[in-house]
Amino acid sequence: MANQNASSRGPIFSEYANDADMAELVESFVAELPKRIEAITSAVSQSRGTDLKRLAHQLRGAAPGYGFPSIGSAAAALEDLMRQAPATADLTSFKAQVDELIDLCSRASHR
């Protein structure tokens, strides 16, 4: 089973790391994560809550399909928290959830 322990600081490997049929798809997903991190960071810094929620929603759905359930769970937690917050909520109030999601995304590895 892949390492999905969010408390460790090492790489997170896909549950499909040993599946030759999924290797190219997982590699492609991991390769696009830096762009997703950049988009998340930009959304927060520019107070674009709708964009942040959309990005979290996308990762919530996609990450588990590529074998990264911890990323999907972190994205779900962020999205759910944002849905419960008032529309006028300051995005910095989601800092812990955003930081966790970014950390997990930055540690994802296809090998």
PDB file of N, CA and C in Angstrom:
ATOM      1  N   MET A   1       0.846  -1.187   0.000  1.00  0.00           N
ATOM      2  CA  MET A   1       0.000   0.000   0.000  1.00  0.00           C
ATOM      3  C   MET A   1       0.885   1.243   0.000  1.00  0.00           C
ATOM      4  N   ALA A   2       0.424   2.282  -0.630  1.00  0.00           N
ATOM      5  CA  ALA A   2       1.194   3.515  -0.747  1.00  0.00           C
ATOM      6  C   ALA A   2       1.233   4.270   0.576  1.00  0.00           C
ATOM      7  N   ASN A   3       2.246   5.092   0.702  1.00  0.00           N
ATOM      8  CA  ASN A   3       2.392   5.924   1.898  1.00  0.00           C
ATOM      9  C   ASN A   3       1.465   7.113   1.786  1.00  0.00           C
ATOM     10  N   GLN A   4       0.411   7.141   2.579  1.00  0.00           N
ATOM     11  CA  GLN A   4      -0.542   8.246   2.546  1.00  0.00           C
ATOM     12  C   GLN A   4      -0.583   8.960   3.892  1.00  0.00           C
ATOM     13  N   ASN A   5       0.423   8.792   4.714  1.00  0.00           N
ATOM     14  CA  ASN A   5       0.455   9.387   6.038  1.00  0.00           C
ATOM     15  C   ASN A   5       0.778  10.871   5.934  1.00  0.00           C
ATOM     16  N   ALA A   6      -0.225  11.706   6.198  1.00  0.00           N
ATOM     17  CA  ALA A   6      -0.059  13.143   6.046  1.00  0.00           C
ATOM     18  C   ALA A   6       0.911  13.725   7.064  1.00  0.00           C
ATOM     19  N   SER A   7       1.182  13.006   8.151  1.00  0.00           N
ATOM     20  CA  SER A   7       2.066  13.553   9.171  1.00  0.00           C
ATOM     21  C   SER A   7       3.542  13.357   8.832  1.00  0.00           C
ATOM     22  N   SER A   8       3.860  12.479   7.901  1.00  0.00           N
ATOM     23  CA  SER A   8       5.255  12.313   7.498  1.00  0.00           C
ATOM     24  C   SER A   8       5.598  13.423   6.511  1.00  0.00           C
ATOM     25  N   ARG A   9       6.870  13.688   6.328  1.00  0.00           N
ATOM     26  CA  ARG A   9       7.277  14.761   5.431  1.00  0.00           C
ATOM     27  C   ARG A   9       7.926  14.235   4.166  1.00  0.00           C
ATOM     28  N   GLY A  10       7.922  12.937   3.980  1.00  0.00           N
ATOM     29  CA  GLY A  10       8.514  12.360   2.781  1.00  0.00           C
ATOM     30  C   GLY A  10       7.538  12.380   1.624  1.00  0.00           C
ATOM     31  N   PRO A  11       7.958  11.821   0.511  1.00  0.00           N
ATOM     32  CA  PRO A  11       7.082  11.795  -0.659  1.00  0.00           C
ATOM     33  C   PRO A  11       5.836  10.936  -0.420  1.00  0.00           C
ATOM     34  N   ILE A  12       4.800  11.270  -1.131  1.00  0.00           N
ATOM     35  CA  ILE A  12       3.561  10.494  -1.120  1.00  0.00           C
ATOM     36  C   ILE A  12       3.485   9.804  -2.479  1.00  0.00           C
ATOM     37  N   PHE A  13       3.332   8.510  -2.447  1.00  0.00           N
ATOM     38  CA  PHE A  13       3.272   7.744  -3.685  1.00  0.00           C
ATOM     39  C   PHE A  13       1.842   7.328  -3.977  1.00  0.00           C
ATOM     40  N   SER A  14       1.534   7.262  -5.248  1.00  0.00           N
ATOM     41  CA  SER A  14       0.224   6.834  -5.687  1.00  0.00           C
ATOM     42  C   SER A  14      -0.031   5.387  -5.277  1.00  0.00           C
ATOM     43  N   GLU A  15      -1.272   5.088  -4.962  1.00  0.00           N
ATOM     44  CA  GLU A  15      -1.655   3.699  -4.707  1.00  0.00           C
ATOM     45  C   GLU A  15      -1.454   2.851  -5.957  1.00  0.00           C
ATOM     46  N   TYR A  16      -1.301   3.510  -7.095  1.00  0.00           N
ATOM     47  CA  TYR A  16      -1.100   2.809  -8.368  1.00  0.00           C
ATOM     48  C   TYR A  16       0.356   2.840  -8.813  1.00  0.00           C
ATOM     49  N   ALA A  17       1.269   3.106  -7.893  1.00  0.00           N
ATOM     50  CA  ALA A  17       2.690   3.226  -8.228  1.00  0.00           C
ATOM     51  C   ALA A  17       3.239   1.975  -8.911  1.00  0.00           C
ATOM     52  N   ASN A  18       2.696   0.818  -8.596  1.00  0.00           N
ATOM     53  CA  ASN A  18       3.185  -0.432  -9.189  1.00  0.00           C
ATOM     54  C   ASN A  18       2.279  -0.950 -10.293  1.00  0.00           C
ATOM     55  N   ASP A  19       1.367  -0.125 -10.762  1.00  0.00           N
ATOM     56  CA  ASP A  19       0.430  -0.519 -11.813  1.00  0.00           C
ATOM     57  C   ASP A  19       0.914   0.071 -13.136  1.00  0.00           C
ATOM     58  N   ALA A  20       1.471  -0.774 -13.988  1.00  0.00           N
ATOM     59  CA  ALA A  20       2.037  -0.313 -15.256  1.00  0.00           C
ATOM     60  C   ALA A  20       0.993   0.377 -16.128  1.00  0.00           C
ATOM     61  N   ASP A  21      -0.252  -0.057 -16.047  1.00  0.00           N
ATOM     62  CA  ASP A  21      -1.312   0.540 -16.855  1.00  0.00           C
ATOM     63  C   ASP A  21      -1.627   1.970 -16.421  1.00  0.00           C
ATOM     64  N   MET A  22      -1.352   2.309 -15.176  1.00  0.00           N
ATOM     65  CA  MET A  22      -1.661   3.635 -14.651  1.00  0.00           C
ATOM     66  C   MET A  22      -0.450   4.566 -14.614  1.00  0.00           C
ATOM     67  N   ALA A  23       0.739   4.035 -14.853  1.00  0.00           N
ATOM     68  CA  ALA A  23       1.979   4.795 -14.662  1.00  0.00           C
ATOM     69  C   ALA A  23       1.982   6.124 -15.413  1.00  0.00           C
ATOM     70  N   GLU A  24       1.627   6.121 -16.666  1.00  0.00           N
ATOM     71  CA  GLU A  24       1.666   7.342 -17.468  1.00  0.00           C
ATOM     72  C   GLU A  24       0.629   8.358 -16.971  1.00  0.00           C
ATOM     73  N   LEU A  25      -0.543   7.877 -16.610  1.00  0.00           N
ATOM     74  CA  LEU A  25      -1.587   8.773 -16.099  1.00  0.00           C
ATOM     75  C   LEU A  25      -1.180   9.403 -14.769  1.00  0.00           C
ATOM     76  N   VAL A  26      -0.620   8.586 -13.878  1.00  0.00           N
ATOM     77  CA  VAL A  26      -0.178   9.102 -12.574  1.00  0.00           C
ATOM     78  C   VAL A  26       0.946  10.111 -12.773  1.00  0.00           C
ATOM     79  N   GLU A  27       1.886   9.805 -13.650  1.00  0.00           N
ATOM     80  CA  GLU A  27       2.996  10.721 -13.915  1.00  0.00           C
ATOM     81  C   GLU A  27       2.476  12.059 -14.442  1.00  0.00           C
ATOM     82  N   SER A  28       1.503  12.012 -15.320  1.00  0.00           N
ATOM     83  CA  SER A  28       0.914  13.233 -15.870  1.00  0.00           C
ATOM     84  C   SER A  28       0.199  14.041 -14.787  1.00  0.00           C
ATOM     85  N   PHE A  29      -0.540  13.363 -13.924  1.00  0.00           N
ATOM     86  CA  PHE A  29      -1.237  14.041 -12.832  1.00  0.00           C
ATOM     87  C   PHE A  29      -0.233  14.725 -11.902  1.00  0.00           C
ATOM     88  N   VAL A  30       0.807  14.008 -11.522  1.00  0.00           N
ATOM     89  CA  VAL A  30       1.827  14.569 -10.628  1.00  0.00           C
ATOM     90  C   VAL A  30       2.536  15.746 -11.301  1.00  0.00           C
ATOM     91  N   ALA A  31       2.792  15.646 -12.591  1.00  0.00           N
ATOM     92  CA  ALA A  31       3.485  16.711 -13.320  1.00  0.00           C
ATOM     93  C   ALA A  31       2.673  18.005 -13.351  1.00  0.00           C
ATOM     94  N   GLU A  32       1.358  17.908 -13.280  1.00  0.00           N
ATOM     95  CA  GLU A  32       0.535  19.125 -13.315  1.00  0.00           C
ATOM     96  C   GLU A  32       0.283  19.715 -11.923  1.00  0.00           C
ATOM     97  N   LEU A  33       0.657  19.014 -10.877  1.00  0.00           N
ATOM     98  CA  LEU A  33       0.415  19.516  -9.522  1.00  0.00           C
ATOM     99  C   LEU A  33       1.110  20.852  -9.220  1.00  0.00           C
ATOM    100  N   PRO A  34       2.341  21.091  -9.691  1.00  0.00           N
ATOM    101  CA  PRO A  34       2.931  22.414  -9.433  1.00  0.00           C
ATOM    102  C   PRO A  34       2.074  23.562  -9.986  1.00  0.00           C
ATOM    103  N   LYS A  35       1.441  23.363 -11.139  1.00  0.00           N
ATOM    104  CA  LYS A  35       0.558  24.388 -11.696  1.00  0.00           C
ATOM    105  C   LYS A  35      -0.682  24.552 -10.819  1.00  0.00           C
ATOM    106  N   ARG A  36      -1.185  23.459 -10.288  1.00  0.00           N
ATOM    107  CA  ARG A  36      -2.348  23.541  -9.397  1.00  0.00           C
ATOM    108  C   ARG A  36      -1.972  24.272  -8.101  1.00  0.00           C
ATOM    109  N   ILE A  37      -0.782  23.982  -7.578  1.00  0.00           N
ATOM    110  CA  ILE A  37      -0.309  24.674  -6.371  1.00  0.00           C
ATOM    111  C   ILE A  37      -0.210  26.176  -6.645  1.00  0.00           C
ATOM    112  N   GLU A  38       0.353  26.518  -7.779  1.00  0.00           N
ATOM    113  CA  GLU A  38       0.485  27.929  -8.159  1.00  0.00           C
ATOM    114  C   GLU A  38      -0.899  28.586  -8.260  1.00  0.00           C
ATOM    115  N   ALA A  39      -1.855  27.891  -8.847  1.00  0.00           N
ATOM    116  CA  ALA A  39      -3.211  28.433  -8.981  1.00  0.00           C
ATOM    117  C   ALA A  39      -3.871  28.619  -7.616  1.00  0.00           C
ATOM    118  N   ILE A  40      -3.672  27.664  -6.718  1.00  0.00           N
ATOM    119  CA  ILE A  40      -4.221  27.767  -5.357  1.00  0.00           C
ATOM    120  C   ILE A  40      -3.605  28.956  -4.630  1.00  0.00           C
ATOM    121  N   THR A  41      -2.292  29.064  -4.696  1.00  0.00           N
ATOM    122  CA  THR A  41      -1.583  30.161  -4.048  1.00  0.00           C
ATOM    123  C   THR A  41      -2.046  31.506  -4.594  1.00  0.00           C
ATOM    124  N   SER A  42      -2.195  31.581  -5.895  1.00  0.00           N
ATOM    125  CA  SER A  42      -2.651  32.812  -6.539  1.00  0.00           C
ATOM    126  C   SER A  42      -4.077  33.160  -6.115  1.00  0.00           C
ATOM    127  N   ALA A  43      -4.949  32.172  -6.078  1.00  0.00           N
ATOM    128  CA  ALA A  43      -6.341  32.411  -5.673  1.00  0.00           C
ATOM    129  C   ALA A  43      -6.406  32.968  -4.256  1.00  0.00           C
ATOM    130  N   VAL A  44      -5.587  32.413  -3.364  1.00  0.00           N
ATOM    131  CA  VAL A  44      -5.576  32.889  -1.982  1.00  0.00           C
ATOM    132  C   VAL A  44      -5.023  34.315  -1.920  1.00  0.00           C
ATOM    133  N   SER A  45      -3.894  34.547  -2.560  1.00  0.00           N
ATOM    134  CA  SER A  45      -3.252  35.861  -2.465  1.00  0.00           C
ATOM    135  C   SER A  45      -4.079  36.962  -3.118  1.00  0.00           C
ATOM    136  N   GLN A  46      -4.910  36.593  -4.088  1.00  0.00           N
ATOM    137  CA  GLN A  46      -5.744  37.587  -4.777  1.00  0.00           C
ATOM    138  C   GLN A  46      -7.200  37.549  -4.306  1.00  0.00           C
ATOM    139  N   SER A  47      -7.444  36.820  -3.215  1.00  0.00           N
ATOM    140  CA  SER A  47      -8.786  36.730  -2.612  1.00  0.00           C
ATOM    141  C   SER A  47      -9.860  36.292  -3.603  1.00  0.00           C
ATOM    142  N   ARG A  48      -9.533  35.281  -4.391  1.00  0.00           N
ATOM    143  CA  ARG A  48     -10.494  34.736  -5.353  1.00  0.00           C
ATOM    144  C   ARG A  48     -11.083  33.439  -4.792  1.00  0.00           C
ATOM    145  N   GLY A  49     -12.037  33.578  -3.911  1.00  0.00           N
ATOM    146  CA  GLY A  49     -12.633  32.440  -3.230  1.00  0.00           C
ATOM    147  C   GLY A  49     -13.313  31.460  -4.154  1.00  0.00           C
ATOM    148  N   THR A  50     -13.990  31.955  -5.174  1.00  0.00           N
ATOM    149  CA  THR A  50     -14.666  31.072  -6.127  1.00  0.00           C
ATOM    150  C   THR A  50     -13.648  30.179  -6.831  1.00  0.00           C
ATOM    151  N   ASP A  51     -12.523  30.759  -7.203  1.00  0.00           N
ATOM    152  CA  ASP A  51     -11.470  29.978  -7.863  1.00  0.00           C
ATOM    153  C   ASP A  51     -10.879  28.946  -6.909  1.00  0.00           C
ATOM    154  N   LEU A  52     -10.642  29.346  -5.669  1.00  0.00           N
ATOM    155  CA  LEU A  52     -10.079  28.419  -4.684  1.00  0.00           C
ATOM    156  C   LEU A  52     -11.023  27.242  -4.461  1.00  0.00           C
ATOM    157  N   LYS A  53     -12.294  27.530  -4.344  1.00  0.00           N
ATOM    158  CA  LYS A  53     -13.274  26.467  -4.138  1.00  0.00           C
ATOM    159  C   LYS A  53     -13.318  25.521  -5.354  1.00  0.00           C
ATOM    160  N   ARG A  54     -13.256  26.086  -6.554  1.00  0.00           N
ATOM    161  CA  ARG A  54     -13.257  25.271  -7.773  1.00  0.00           C
ATOM    162  C   ARG A  54     -12.016  24.385  -7.840  1.00  0.00           C
ATOM    163  N   LEU A  55     -10.857  24.952  -7.508  1.00  0.00           N
ATOM    164  CA  LEU A  55      -9.612  24.181  -7.526  1.00  0.00           C
ATOM    165  C   LEU A  55      -9.662  23.041  -6.508  1.00  0.00           C
ATOM    166  N   ALA A  56     -10.182  23.326  -5.327  1.00  0.00           N
ATOM    167  CA  ALA A  56     -10.316  22.287  -4.301  1.00  0.00           C
ATOM    168  C   ALA A  56     -11.276  21.206  -4.783  1.00  0.00           C
ATOM    169  N   HIS A  57     -12.372  21.612  -5.405  1.00  0.00           N
ATOM    170  CA  HIS A  57     -13.360  20.657  -5.909  1.00  0.00           C
ATOM    171  C   HIS A  57     -12.737  19.732  -6.967  1.00  0.00           C
ATOM    172  N   GLN A  58     -11.953  20.311  -7.856  1.00  0.00           N
ATOM    173  CA  GLN A  58     -11.296  19.515  -8.902  1.00  0.00           C
ATOM    174  C   GLN A  58     -10.351  18.474  -8.303  1.00  0.00           C
ATOM    175  N   LEU A  59      -9.543  18.904  -7.335  1.00  0.00           N
ATOM    176  CA  LEU A  59      -8.610  17.965  -6.694  1.00  0.00           C
ATOM    177  C   LEU A  59      -9.353  16.913  -5.875  1.00  0.00           C
ATOM    178  N   ARG A  60     -10.443  17.310  -5.260  1.00  0.00           N
ATOM    179  CA  ARG A  60     -11.260  16.378  -4.482  1.00  0.00           C
ATOM    180  C   ARG A  60     -11.697  15.201  -5.360  1.00  0.00           C
ATOM    181  N   GLY A  61     -12.098  15.517  -6.572  1.00  0.00           N
ATOM    182  CA  GLY A  61     -12.559  14.472  -7.471  1.00  0.00           C
ATOM    183  C   GLY A  61     -11.445  13.706  -8.162  1.00  0.00           C
ATOM    184  N   ALA A  62     -10.407  14.403  -8.572  1.00  0.00           N
ATOM    185  CA  ALA A  62      -9.369  13.785  -9.396  1.00  0.00           C
ATOM    186  C   ALA A  62      -8.332  12.985  -8.617  1.00  0.00           C
ATOM    187  N   ALA A  63      -7.853  13.529  -7.526  1.00  0.00           N
ATOM    188  CA  ALA A  63      -6.716  12.920  -6.819  1.00  0.00           C
ATOM    189  C   ALA A  63      -6.933  11.460  -6.430  1.00  0.00           C
ATOM    190  N   PRO A  64      -8.079  11.093  -5.865  1.00  0.00           N
ATOM    191  CA  PRO A  64      -8.259   9.677  -5.512  1.00  0.00           C
ATOM    192  C   PRO A  64      -8.205   8.748  -6.732  1.00  0.00           C
ATOM    193  N   GLY A  65      -8.657   9.224  -7.869  1.00  0.00           N
ATOM    194  CA  GLY A  65      -8.637   8.416  -9.084  1.00  0.00           C
ATOM    195  C   GLY A  65      -7.242   8.126  -9.589  1.00  0.00           C
ATOM    196  N   TYR A  66      -6.287   8.940  -9.167  1.00  0.00           N
ATOM    197  CA  TYR A  66      -4.892   8.722  -9.524  1.00  0.00           C
ATOM    198  C   TYR A  66      -4.114   8.084  -8.384  1.00  0.00           C
ATOM    199  N   GLY A  67      -4.829   7.671  -7.344  1.00  0.00           N
ATOM    200  CA  GLY A  67      -4.192   6.961  -6.238  1.00  0.00           C
ATOM    201  C   GLY A  67      -3.691   7.838  -5.116  1.00  0.00           C
ATOM    202  N   PHE A  68      -4.220   9.056  -4.992  1.00  0.00           N
ATOM    203  CA  PHE A  68      -3.804   9.972  -3.935  1.00  0.00           C
ATOM    204  C   PHE A  68      -5.009  10.372  -3.076  1.00  0.00           C
ATOM    205  N   PRO A  69      -5.544   9.441  -2.293  1.00  0.00           N
ATOM    206  CA  PRO A  69      -6.725   9.770  -1.488  1.00  0.00           C
ATOM    207  C   PRO A  69      -6.469  10.837  -0.431  1.00  0.00           C
ATOM    208  N   SER A  70      -5.247  10.945   0.062  1.00  0.00           N
ATOM    209  CA  SER A  70      -4.976  11.972   1.074  1.00  0.00           C
ATOM    210  C   SER A  70      -5.107  13.375   0.482  1.00  0.00           C
ATOM    211  N   ILE A  71      -4.720  13.546  -0.765  1.00  0.00           N
ATOM    212  CA  ILE A  71      -4.885  14.836  -1.432  1.00  0.00           C
ATOM    213  C   ILE A  71      -6.373  15.103  -1.639  1.00  0.00           C
ATOM    214  N   GLY A  72      -7.097  14.092  -2.057  1.00  0.00           N
ATOM    215  CA  GLY A  72      -8.537  14.240  -2.234  1.00  0.00           C
ATOM    216  C   GLY A  72      -9.241  14.599  -0.939  1.00  0.00           C
ATOM    217  N   SER A  73      -8.822  13.979   0.156  1.00  0.00           N
ATOM    218  CA  SER A  73      -9.422  14.267   1.465  1.00  0.00           C
ATOM    219  C   SER A  73      -9.118  15.690   1.915  1.00  0.00           C
ATOM    220  N   ALA A  74      -7.881  16.134   1.705  1.00  0.00           N
ATOM    221  CA  ALA A  74      -7.505  17.499   2.095  1.00  0.00           C
ATOM    222  C   ALA A  74      -8.275  18.519   1.256  1.00  0.00           C
ATOM    223  N   ALA A  75      -8.430  18.236  -0.024  1.00  0.00           N
ATOM    224  CA  ALA A  75      -9.194  19.133  -0.901  1.00  0.00           C
ATOM    225  C   ALA A  75     -10.662  19.157  -0.484  1.00  0.00           C
ATOM    226  N   ALA A  76     -11.205  18.004  -0.115  1.00  0.00           N
ATOM    227  CA  ALA A  76     -12.594  17.923   0.336  1.00  0.00           C
ATOM    228  C   ALA A  76     -12.794  18.725   1.610  1.00  0.00           C
ATOM    229  N   ALA A  77     -11.855  18.625   2.532  1.00  0.00           N
ATOM    230  CA  ALA A  77     -11.957  19.374   3.785  1.00  0.00           C
ATOM    231  C   ALA A  77     -11.969  20.874   3.518  1.00  0.00           C
ATOM    232  N   LEU A  78     -11.110  21.326   2.605  1.00  0.00           N
ATOM    233  CA  LEU A  78     -11.064  22.743   2.257  1.00  0.00           C
ATOM    234  C   LEU A  78     -12.372  23.171   1.592  1.00  0.00           C
ATOM    235  N   GLU A  79     -12.812  22.402   0.624  1.00  0.00           N
ATOM    236  CA  GLU A  79     -14.046  22.755  -0.083  1.00  0.00           C
ATOM    237  C   GLU A  79     -15.240  22.787   0.870  1.00  0.00           C
ATOM    238  N   ASP A  80     -15.347  21.791   1.726  1.00  0.00           N
ATOM    239  CA  ASP A  80     -16.463  21.737   2.672  1.00  0.00           C
ATOM    240  C   ASP A  80     -16.437  22.920   3.630  1.00  0.00           C
ATOM    241  N   LEU A  81     -15.263  23.264   4.114  1.00  0.00           N
ATOM    242  CA  LEU A  81     -15.130  24.399   5.018  1.00  0.00           C
ATOM    243  C   LEU A  81     -15.533  25.702   4.323  1.00  0.00           C
ATOM    244  N   MET A  82     -15.122  25.838   3.079  1.00  0.00           N
ATOM    245  CA  MET A  82     -15.473  27.036   2.327  1.00  0.00           C
ATOM    246  C   MET A  82     -16.974  27.124   2.071  1.00  0.00           C
ATOM    247  N   ARG A  83     -17.605  25.997   1.831  1.00  0.00           N
ATOM    248  CA  ARG A  83     -19.055  25.985   1.604  1.00  0.00           C
ATOM    249  C   ARG A  83     -19.817  26.405   2.857  1.00  0.00           C
ATOM    250  N   GLN A  84     -19.286  26.084   4.012  1.00  0.00           N
ATOM    251  CA  GLN A  84     -19.948  26.397   5.286  1.00  0.00           C
ATOM    252  C   GLN A  84     -19.691  27.832   5.729  1.00  0.00           C
ATOM    253  N   ALA A  85     -18.651  28.445   5.199  1.00  0.00           N
ATOM    254  CA  ALA A  85     -18.269  29.800   5.621  1.00  0.00           C
ATOM    255  C   ALA A  85     -19.122  30.833   4.888  1.00  0.00           C
ATOM    256  N   PRO A  86     -19.279  31.987   5.494  1.00  0.00           N
ATOM    257  CA  PRO A  86     -19.995  33.058   4.801  1.00  0.00           C
ATOM    258  C   PRO A  86     -19.246  33.480   3.539  1.00  0.00           C
ATOM    259  N   ALA A  87     -19.961  33.942   2.553  1.00  0.00           N
ATOM    260  CA  ALA A  87     -19.353  34.356   1.284  1.00  0.00           C
ATOM    261  C   ALA A  87     -18.320  35.458   1.475  1.00  0.00           C
ATOM    262  N   THR A  88     -18.448  36.199   2.549  1.00  0.00           N
ATOM    263  CA  THR A  88     -17.523  37.302   2.817  1.00  0.00           C
ATOM    264  C   THR A  88     -16.288  36.868   3.622  1.00  0.00           C
ATOM    265  N   ALA A  89     -16.158  35.572   3.875  1.00  0.00           N
ATOM    266  CA  ALA A  89     -15.042  35.077   4.687  1.00  0.00           C
ATOM    267  C   ALA A  89     -13.700  35.417   4.032  1.00  0.00           C
ATOM    268  N   ASP A  90     -12.763  35.816   4.861  1.00  0.00           N
ATOM    269  CA  ASP A  90     -11.404  36.105   4.423  1.00  0.00           C
ATOM    270  C   ASP A  90     -10.710  34.768   4.137  1.00  0.00           C
ATOM    271  N   LEU A  91     -10.085  34.639   2.980  1.00  0.00           N
ATOM    272  CA  LEU A  91      -9.455  33.368   2.604  1.00  0.00           C
ATOM    273  C   LEU A  91      -8.327  32.976   3.539  1.00  0.00           C
ATOM    274  N   THR A  92      -7.758  33.925   4.266  1.00  0.00           N
ATOM    275  CA  THR A  92      -6.709  33.571   5.213  1.00  0.00           C
ATOM    276  C   THR A  92      -7.251  32.712   6.355  1.00  0.00           C
ATOM    277  N   SER A  93      -8.578  32.730   6.547  1.00  0.00           N
ATOM    278  CA  SER A  93      -9.163  31.888   7.589  1.00  0.00           C
ATOM    279  C   SER A  93      -9.085  30.407   7.231  1.00  0.00           C
ATOM    280  N   PHE A  94      -8.765  30.100   5.978  1.00  0.00           N
ATOM    281  CA  PHE A  94      -8.621  28.714   5.518  1.00  0.00           C
ATOM    282  C   PHE A  94      -7.155  28.306   5.403  1.00  0.00           C
ATOM    283  N   LYS A  95      -6.264  29.114   6.004  1.00  0.00           N
ATOM    284  CA  LYS A  95      -4.821  28.903   5.855  1.00  0.00           C
ATOM    285  C   LYS A  95      -4.370  27.486   6.192  1.00  0.00           C
ATOM    286  N   ALA A  96      -4.817  26.930   7.303  1.00  0.00           N
ATOM    287  CA  ALA A  96      -4.367  25.593   7.701  1.00  0.00           C
ATOM    288  C   ALA A  96      -4.751  24.548   6.651  1.00  0.00           C
ATOM    289  N   GLN A  97      -5.969  24.643   6.135  1.00  0.00           N
ATOM    290  CA  GLN A  97      -6.422  23.672   5.131  1.00  0.00           C
ATOM    291  C   GLN A  97      -5.694  23.872   3.807  1.00  0.00           C
ATOM    292  N   VAL A  98      -5.487  25.122   3.424  1.00  0.00           N
ATOM    293  CA  VAL A  98      -4.755  25.415   2.190  1.00  0.00           C
ATOM    294  C   VAL A  98      -3.316  24.917   2.309  1.00  0.00           C
ATOM    295  N   ASP A  99      -2.673  25.198   3.437  1.00  0.00           N
ATOM    296  CA  ASP A  99      -1.291  24.765   3.643  1.00  0.00           C
ATOM    297  C   ASP A  99      -1.170  23.243   3.593  1.00  0.00           C
ATOM    298  N   GLU A 100      -2.129  22.538   4.199  1.00  0.00           N
ATOM    299  CA  GLU A 100      -2.087  21.075   4.169  1.00  0.00           C
ATOM    300  C   GLU A 100      -2.232  20.564   2.740  1.00  0.00           C
ATOM    301  N   LEU A 101      -3.169  21.134   1.995  1.00  0.00           N
ATOM    302  CA  LEU A 101      -3.380  20.700   0.619  1.00  0.00           C
ATOM    303  C   LEU A 101      -2.135  20.954  -0.226  1.00  0.00           C
ATOM    304  N   ILE A 102      -1.551  22.121  -0.093  1.00  0.00           N
ATOM    305  CA  ILE A 102      -0.337  22.444  -0.848  1.00  0.00           C
ATOM    306  C   ILE A 102       0.810  21.507  -0.458  1.00  0.00           C
ATOM    307  N   ASP A 103       0.944  21.239   0.834  1.00  0.00           N
ATOM    308  CA  ASP A 103       2.005  20.333   1.298  1.00  0.00           C
ATOM    309  C   ASP A 103       1.844  18.949   0.677  1.00  0.00           C
ATOM    310  N   LEU A 104       0.643  18.426   0.717  1.00  0.00           N
ATOM    311  CA  LEU A 104       0.416  17.090   0.160  1.00  0.00           C
ATOM    312  C   LEU A 104       0.665  17.072  -1.345  1.00  0.00           C
ATOM    313  N   CYS A 105       0.177  18.090  -2.039  1.00  0.00           N
ATOM    314  CA  CYS A 105       0.404  18.157  -3.486  1.00  0.00           C
ATOM    315  C   CYS A 105       1.883  18.250  -3.825  1.00  0.00           C
ATOM    316  N   SER A 106       2.627  19.006  -3.037  1.00  0.00           N
ATOM    317  CA  SER A 106       4.059  19.176  -3.322  1.00  0.00           C
ATOM    318  C   SER A 106       4.861  17.906  -3.022  1.00  0.00           C
ATOM    319  N   ARG A 107       4.327  17.034  -2.205  1.00  0.00           N
ATOM    320  CA  ARG A 107       5.023  15.791  -1.863  1.00  0.00           C
ATOM    321  C   ARG A 107       4.619  14.607  -2.728  1.00  0.00           C
ATOM    322  N   ALA A 108       3.622  14.789  -3.585  1.00  0.00           N
ATOM    323  CA  ALA A 108       3.166  13.689  -4.457  1.00  0.00           C
ATOM    324  C   ALA A 108       4.267  13.301  -5.420  1.00  0.00           C
ATOM    325  N   SER A 109       4.440  12.012  -5.589  1.00  0.00           N
ATOM    326  CA  SER A 109       5.474  11.503  -6.486  1.00  0.00           C
ATOM    327  C   SER A 109       4.924  10.332  -7.295  1.00  0.00           C
ATOM    328  N   HIS A 110       5.364  10.211  -8.509  1.00  0.00           N
ATOM    329  CA  HIS A 110       4.904   9.100  -9.360  1.00  0.00           C
ATOM    330  C   HIS A 110       5.833   7.896  -9.272  1.00  0.00           C
ATOM    331  N   ARG A 111       6.957   8.011  -8.579  1.00  0.00           N
ATOM    332  CA  ARG A 111       7.895   6.882  -8.459  1.00  0.00           C
ATOM    333  C   ARG A 111       8.082   6.498  -7.019  1.00  0.00           C
TER     334      ARG A 111
END
